[in-house]
Amino acid sequence: MSQFISITEAIDMTTLYRANRELILTQSAKNKQILPTCESFSLAVVNQVLTQAGCQGLRVYYGMDPSLKLHAILVGYDSQDRDMLPPLNTEAEDSGGPIVERGTRCPDICPPPSPLNP
């Protein structure tokens, strides 16, 4: 289950990721910014997911856009650990429903430097 970690552990983990993210890619995928440093989502959008009736938490899936860049996809989950998704083939699906993507992805738009992103 989820737990808090120390700033030291967070720094160690993000440092190790940055040092290895290009190494884990195939040669043809290197230097194409496929793996982001981070992705930011607004409080208003995240709250729309979390304030759904019965929502117990936030789940992060990973997907790729047509240029093969990795993106986080956020959905809520209920007390039985089921994804809270709009039904398929409805207007809710077309309007985006409670599924969030379109975060601000770094690179290209990066936050100011911090211990997690020097």
N, C-alpha and C. Protein backbone atom coordinates (compact mmCIF):
# COMPACT_ATOMS: atom_id res chain seq x y z
N MET A 1 0.84 -1.19 0.00
CA MET A 1 0.00 0.00 0.00
C MET A 1 0.88 1.24 0.00
N SER A 2 0.32 2.36 -0.31
CA SER A 2 1.06 3.61 -0.39
C SER A 2 1.68 3.98 0.95
N GLN A 3 2.83 4.61 0.87
CA GLN A 3 3.45 5.12 2.08
C GLN A 3 4.31 6.32 1.72
N PHE A 4 4.56 7.15 2.71
CA PHE A 4 5.42 8.30 2.49
C PHE A 4 6.87 7.83 2.50
N ILE A 5 7.71 8.56 1.77
CA ILE A 5 9.14 8.28 1.80
C ILE A 5 9.87 9.56 2.19
N SER A 6 11.11 9.43 2.56
CA SER A 6 11.90 10.61 2.95
C SER A 6 12.35 11.36 1.70
N ILE A 7 12.74 12.61 1.91
CA ILE A 7 13.28 13.41 0.81
C ILE A 7 14.57 12.77 0.28
N THR A 8 15.34 12.18 1.16
CA THR A 8 16.58 11.52 0.73
C THR A 8 16.28 10.36 -0.20
N GLU A 9 15.29 9.55 0.15
CA GLU A 9 14.92 8.43 -0.72
C GLU A 9 14.37 8.93 -2.05
N ALA A 10 13.56 9.98 -2.02
CA ALA A 10 13.02 10.55 -3.26
C ALA A 10 14.15 11.08 -4.15
N ILE A 11 15.11 11.75 -3.55
CA ILE A 11 16.26 12.25 -4.33
C ILE A 11 17.05 11.09 -4.92
N ASP A 12 17.31 10.06 -4.11
CA ASP A 12 18.04 8.89 -4.60
C ASP A 12 17.31 8.23 -5.77
N MET A 13 16.01 8.07 -5.65
CA MET A 13 15.23 7.40 -6.69
C MET A 13 15.19 8.22 -7.98
N THR A 14 14.96 9.53 -7.86
CA THR A 14 14.88 10.34 -9.07
C THR A 14 16.25 10.49 -9.73
N THR A 15 17.30 10.53 -8.92
CA THR A 15 18.66 10.59 -9.46
C THR A 15 18.99 9.32 -10.22
N LEU A 16 18.67 8.17 -9.65
CA LEU A 16 18.92 6.89 -10.31
C LEU A 16 18.12 6.78 -11.61
N TYR A 17 16.88 7.23 -11.59
CA TYR A 17 16.05 7.22 -12.80
C TYR A 17 16.68 8.09 -13.89
N ARG A 18 17.03 9.33 -13.55
CA ARG A 18 17.62 10.22 -14.56
C ARG A 18 18.90 9.63 -15.13
N ALA A 19 19.70 8.98 -14.28
CA ALA A 19 20.97 8.40 -14.73
C ALA A 19 20.77 7.20 -15.65
N ASN A 20 19.64 6.53 -15.54
CA ASN A 20 19.44 5.28 -16.28
C ASN A 20 18.33 5.32 -17.32
N ARG A 21 17.57 6.38 -17.40
CA ARG A 21 16.40 6.35 -18.29
C ARG A 21 16.76 6.15 -19.75
N GLU A 22 17.85 6.69 -20.23
CA GLU A 22 18.25 6.46 -21.62
C GLU A 22 18.87 5.07 -21.80
N LEU A 23 19.49 4.55 -20.76
CA LEU A 23 20.14 3.23 -20.85
C LEU A 23 19.14 2.10 -21.03
N ILE A 24 17.91 2.27 -20.53
CA ILE A 24 16.93 1.19 -20.61
C ILE A 24 16.18 1.17 -21.95
N LEU A 25 16.43 2.16 -22.78
CA LEU A 25 15.76 2.25 -24.08
C LEU A 25 16.56 1.52 -25.16
N THR A 26 15.87 1.06 -26.17
CA THR A 26 16.57 0.50 -27.32
C THR A 26 17.32 1.62 -28.02
N GLN A 27 18.29 1.29 -28.82
CA GLN A 27 19.11 2.29 -29.50
C GLN A 27 18.25 3.24 -30.33
N SER A 28 17.25 2.71 -31.01
CA SER A 28 16.42 3.55 -31.88
C SER A 28 15.53 4.51 -31.09
N ALA A 29 15.34 4.28 -29.80
CA ALA A 29 14.49 5.13 -28.97
C ALA A 29 15.28 6.17 -28.17
N LYS A 30 16.58 6.06 -28.16
CA LYS A 30 17.40 6.97 -27.36
C LYS A 30 17.39 8.39 -27.92
N ASN A 31 17.51 9.35 -26.99
CA ASN A 31 17.60 10.77 -27.31
C ASN A 31 16.37 11.31 -28.04
N LYS A 32 15.21 10.75 -27.75
CA LYS A 32 13.96 11.21 -28.36
C LYS A 32 12.98 11.70 -27.30
N GLN A 33 13.46 11.89 -26.08
CA GLN A 33 12.64 12.37 -24.97
C GLN A 33 11.41 11.49 -24.75
N ILE A 34 11.58 10.19 -24.91
CA ILE A 34 10.47 9.25 -24.73
C ILE A 34 10.07 9.16 -23.27
N LEU A 35 11.06 9.09 -22.38
CA LEU A 35 10.77 8.98 -20.95
C LEU A 35 10.88 10.36 -20.30
N PRO A 36 9.81 10.86 -19.69
CA PRO A 36 9.85 12.20 -19.10
C PRO A 36 10.59 12.20 -17.77
N THR A 37 11.03 13.37 -17.37
CA THR A 37 11.57 13.57 -16.03
C THR A 37 10.41 13.61 -15.04
N CYS A 38 9.37 14.34 -15.41
CA CYS A 38 8.18 14.44 -14.56
C CYS A 38 7.01 14.89 -15.42
N GLU A 39 5.83 14.87 -14.81
CA GLU A 39 4.62 15.35 -15.46
C GLU A 39 3.78 16.02 -14.38
N SER A 40 3.25 17.20 -14.66
CA SER A 40 2.49 17.97 -13.68
C SER A 40 1.02 18.03 -14.06
N PHE A 41 0.16 17.92 -13.04
CA PHE A 41 -1.29 17.98 -13.22
C PHE A 41 -1.86 19.00 -12.25
N SER A 42 -2.82 19.78 -12.70
CA SER A 42 -3.40 20.82 -11.85
C SER A 42 -4.25 20.20 -10.73
N LEU A 43 -4.32 20.90 -9.62
CA LEU A 43 -5.13 20.48 -8.49
C LEU A 43 -6.60 20.33 -8.90
N ALA A 44 -7.10 21.24 -9.72
CA ALA A 44 -8.50 21.20 -10.13
C ALA A 44 -8.82 19.91 -10.88
N VAL A 45 -7.93 19.50 -11.77
CA VAL A 45 -8.16 18.29 -12.56
C VAL A 45 -8.04 17.05 -11.68
N VAL A 46 -7.03 16.99 -10.83
CA VAL A 46 -6.86 15.84 -9.94
C VAL A 46 -8.04 15.75 -8.97
N ASN A 47 -8.52 16.90 -8.49
CA ASN A 47 -9.68 16.89 -7.59
C ASN A 47 -10.93 16.35 -8.26
N GLN A 48 -11.08 16.58 -9.56
CA GLN A 48 -12.23 16.03 -10.28
C GLN A 48 -12.22 14.51 -10.22
N VAL A 49 -11.05 13.92 -10.28
CA VAL A 49 -10.93 12.47 -10.16
C VAL A 49 -11.19 12.04 -8.72
N LEU A 50 -10.52 12.69 -7.78
CA LEU A 50 -10.57 12.25 -6.38
C LEU A 50 -11.91 12.51 -5.69
N THR A 51 -12.68 13.49 -6.17
CA THR A 51 -13.95 13.80 -5.51
C THR A 51 -15.13 13.05 -6.11
N GLN A 52 -14.89 12.11 -7.00
CA GLN A 52 -15.98 11.26 -7.48
C GLN A 52 -16.54 10.47 -6.30
N ALA A 53 -17.83 10.28 -6.27
CA ALA A 53 -18.45 9.48 -5.20
C ALA A 53 -17.82 8.10 -5.15
N GLY A 54 -17.34 7.69 -3.99
CA GLY A 54 -16.77 6.36 -3.82
C GLY A 54 -15.30 6.24 -4.15
N CYS A 55 -14.68 7.32 -4.59
CA CYS A 55 -13.26 7.25 -4.96
C CYS A 55 -12.40 7.08 -3.71
N GLN A 56 -11.50 6.10 -3.75
CA GLN A 56 -10.63 5.81 -2.63
C GLN A 56 -9.19 6.25 -2.86
N GLY A 57 -8.85 6.54 -4.10
CA GLY A 57 -7.48 6.94 -4.38
C GLY A 57 -7.24 7.14 -5.86
N LEU A 58 -6.01 7.37 -6.18
CA LEU A 58 -5.59 7.69 -7.53
C LEU A 58 -4.67 6.59 -8.05
N ARG A 59 -4.94 6.12 -9.26
CA ARG A 59 -4.09 5.12 -9.89
C ARG A 59 -3.41 5.77 -11.10
N VAL A 60 -2.16 5.44 -11.31
CA VAL A 60 -1.40 5.98 -12.44
C VAL A 60 -1.09 4.84 -13.40
N TYR A 61 -1.56 5.00 -14.62
CA TYR A 61 -1.18 4.09 -15.70
C TYR A 61 -0.18 4.84 -16.57
N TYR A 62 0.52 4.11 -17.40
CA TYR A 62 1.44 4.74 -18.33
C TYR A 62 1.03 4.35 -19.74
N GLY A 63 1.03 5.34 -20.61
CA GLY A 63 0.68 5.11 -22.00
C GLY A 63 1.63 5.86 -22.89
N MET A 64 1.47 5.69 -24.19
CA MET A 64 2.35 6.36 -25.16
C MET A 64 1.50 7.09 -26.18
N ASP A 65 2.00 8.24 -26.59
CA ASP A 65 1.35 8.96 -27.68
C ASP A 65 1.91 8.42 -29.01
N PRO A 66 1.38 8.88 -30.14
CA PRO A 66 1.85 8.36 -31.43
C PRO A 66 3.35 8.51 -31.68
N SER A 67 3.99 9.49 -31.02
CA SER A 67 5.44 9.64 -31.20
C SER A 67 6.22 8.79 -30.19
N LEU A 68 5.53 7.89 -29.50
CA LEU A 68 6.09 6.94 -28.54
C LEU A 68 6.58 7.57 -27.24
N LYS A 69 6.16 8.81 -26.95
CA LYS A 69 6.52 9.44 -25.69
C LYS A 69 5.61 8.93 -24.58
N LEU A 70 6.22 8.59 -23.45
CA LEU A 70 5.49 8.07 -22.30
C LEU A 70 4.70 9.19 -21.62
N HIS A 71 3.46 8.87 -21.19
CA HIS A 71 2.60 9.81 -20.48
C HIS A 71 1.93 9.09 -19.32
N ALA A 72 1.75 9.80 -18.21
CA ALA A 72 0.97 9.28 -17.08
C ALA A 72 -0.51 9.48 -17.39
N ILE A 73 -1.32 8.49 -17.05
CA ILE A 73 -2.78 8.55 -17.19
C ILE A 73 -3.34 8.29 -15.80
N LEU A 74 -4.14 9.23 -15.28
CA LEU A 74 -4.65 9.15 -13.91
C LEU A 74 -6.12 8.77 -13.91
N VAL A 75 -6.48 7.80 -13.07
CA VAL A 75 -7.87 7.42 -12.88
C VAL A 75 -8.09 7.18 -11.38
N GLY A 76 -9.32 7.33 -10.97
CA GLY A 76 -9.67 7.00 -9.59
C GLY A 76 -9.93 5.51 -9.48
N TYR A 77 -9.87 5.01 -8.23
CA TYR A 77 -10.28 3.63 -7.98
C TYR A 77 -11.18 3.60 -6.76
N ASP A 78 -12.04 2.56 -6.72
CA ASP A 78 -13.04 2.48 -5.65
C ASP A 78 -12.59 1.56 -4.51
N SER A 79 -13.46 1.33 -3.55
CA SER A 79 -13.12 0.54 -2.36
C SER A 79 -12.83 -0.92 -2.68
N GLN A 80 -13.21 -1.37 -3.87
CA GLN A 80 -12.91 -2.75 -4.29
C GLN A 80 -11.72 -2.77 -5.26
N ASP A 81 -10.98 -1.67 -5.30
CA ASP A 81 -9.78 -1.54 -6.12
C ASP A 81 -10.06 -1.54 -7.62
N ARG A 82 -11.30 -1.24 -8.01
CA ARG A 82 -11.66 -1.20 -9.43
C ARG A 82 -11.47 0.20 -9.98
N ASP A 83 -10.97 0.29 -11.21
CA ASP A 83 -10.86 1.58 -11.88
C ASP A 83 -12.24 2.20 -12.02
N MET A 84 -12.33 3.51 -11.79
CA MET A 84 -13.57 4.26 -11.95
C MET A 84 -13.51 4.95 -13.31
N LEU A 85 -14.15 4.32 -14.30
CA LEU A 85 -14.06 4.78 -15.68
C LEU A 85 -15.43 5.07 -16.23
N PRO A 86 -15.54 6.00 -17.18
CA PRO A 86 -16.83 6.20 -17.83
C PRO A 86 -17.13 5.00 -18.72
N PRO A 87 -18.41 4.75 -18.95
CA PRO A 87 -18.74 3.64 -19.85
C PRO A 87 -18.21 3.91 -21.26
N LEU A 88 -17.91 2.84 -21.96
CA LEU A 88 -17.45 2.98 -23.35
C LEU A 88 -18.61 3.42 -24.24
N ASN A 89 -18.27 4.10 -25.33
CA ASN A 89 -19.24 4.50 -26.34
C ASN A 89 -20.36 5.38 -25.79
N THR A 90 -20.00 6.34 -24.96
CA THR A 90 -20.96 7.31 -24.44
C THR A 90 -20.41 8.71 -24.64
N GLU A 91 -21.26 9.70 -24.42
CA GLU A 91 -20.79 11.07 -24.52
C GLU A 91 -19.75 11.35 -23.44
N ALA A 92 -19.85 10.70 -22.28
CA ALA A 92 -18.87 10.91 -21.21
C ALA A 92 -17.48 10.52 -21.69
N GLU A 93 -17.41 9.45 -22.46
CA GLU A 93 -16.12 9.04 -23.00
C GLU A 93 -15.58 10.12 -23.92
N ASP A 94 -16.45 10.67 -24.77
CA ASP A 94 -16.03 11.70 -25.70
C ASP A 94 -15.60 12.98 -24.99
N SER A 95 -16.20 13.28 -23.83
CA SER A 95 -15.85 14.51 -23.12
C SER A 95 -14.65 14.31 -22.21
N GLY A 96 -14.10 13.15 -22.17
CA GLY A 96 -12.91 12.92 -21.37
C GLY A 96 -13.20 12.23 -20.06
N GLY A 97 -14.41 12.41 -19.50
CA GLY A 97 -14.76 11.74 -18.26
C GLY A 97 -13.71 11.98 -17.19
N PRO A 98 -13.62 11.07 -16.24
CA PRO A 98 -12.68 11.26 -15.14
C PRO A 98 -11.30 10.65 -15.40
N ILE A 99 -10.90 10.58 -16.65
CA ILE A 99 -9.58 10.06 -16.99
C ILE A 99 -8.70 11.27 -17.35
N VAL A 100 -7.55 11.38 -16.69
CA VAL A 100 -6.69 12.54 -16.88
C VAL A 100 -5.40 12.13 -17.58
N GLU A 101 -5.02 12.90 -18.57
CA GLU A 101 -3.70 12.77 -19.18
C GLU A 101 -3.22 14.18 -19.42
N ARG A 102 -2.89 14.59 -20.51
CA ARG A 102 -2.53 15.96 -20.88
C ARG A 102 -1.86 16.77 -19.77
N GLY A 103 -1.00 16.13 -18.98
CA GLY A 103 -0.22 16.86 -17.98
C GLY A 103 0.85 17.69 -18.67
N THR A 104 1.46 18.55 -17.92
CA THR A 104 2.59 19.32 -18.43
C THR A 104 3.82 18.43 -18.29
N ARG A 105 4.36 18.04 -19.41
CA ARG A 105 5.42 17.03 -19.46
C ARG A 105 6.79 17.69 -19.56
N CYS A 106 7.71 17.20 -18.74
CA CYS A 106 9.09 17.68 -18.75
C CYS A 106 9.99 16.53 -19.20
N PRO A 107 10.80 16.67 -20.24
CA PRO A 107 10.81 17.84 -21.09
C PRO A 107 9.56 17.89 -21.96
N ASP A 108 9.12 18.87 -22.34
CA ASP A 108 9.54 20.13 -22.87
C ASP A 108 9.35 21.29 -21.88
N ILE A 109 8.30 21.23 -21.08
CA ILE A 109 8.05 22.31 -20.13
C ILE A 109 8.39 21.78 -18.74
N CYS A 110 9.49 22.27 -18.17
CA CYS A 110 9.99 21.73 -16.90
C CYS A 110 9.79 22.72 -15.76
N PRO A 111 9.59 22.17 -14.54
CA PRO A 111 9.47 23.05 -13.38
C PRO A 111 10.83 23.63 -13.01
N PRO A 112 10.82 24.63 -12.11
CA PRO A 112 12.10 25.16 -11.64
C PRO A 112 12.92 24.05 -10.97
N PRO A 113 14.23 24.17 -10.95
CA PRO A 113 15.05 23.14 -10.30
C PRO A 113 14.67 22.92 -8.84
N SER A 114 14.80 21.67 -8.41
CA SER A 114 14.58 21.30 -7.02
C SER A 114 15.50 20.12 -6.73
N PRO A 115 15.55 19.66 -5.49
CA PRO A 115 16.38 18.49 -5.21
C PRO A 115 15.96 17.25 -6.01
N LEU A 116 14.70 17.20 -6.46
CA LEU A 116 14.23 16.07 -7.26
C LEU A 116 14.49 16.25 -8.75
N ASN A 117 14.79 17.48 -9.16
CA ASN A 117 15.00 17.80 -10.56
C ASN A 117 16.03 18.92 -10.68
N PRO A 118 17.30 18.59 -10.41
CA PRO A 118 18.33 19.65 -10.39
C PRO A 118 18.58 20.26 -11.77
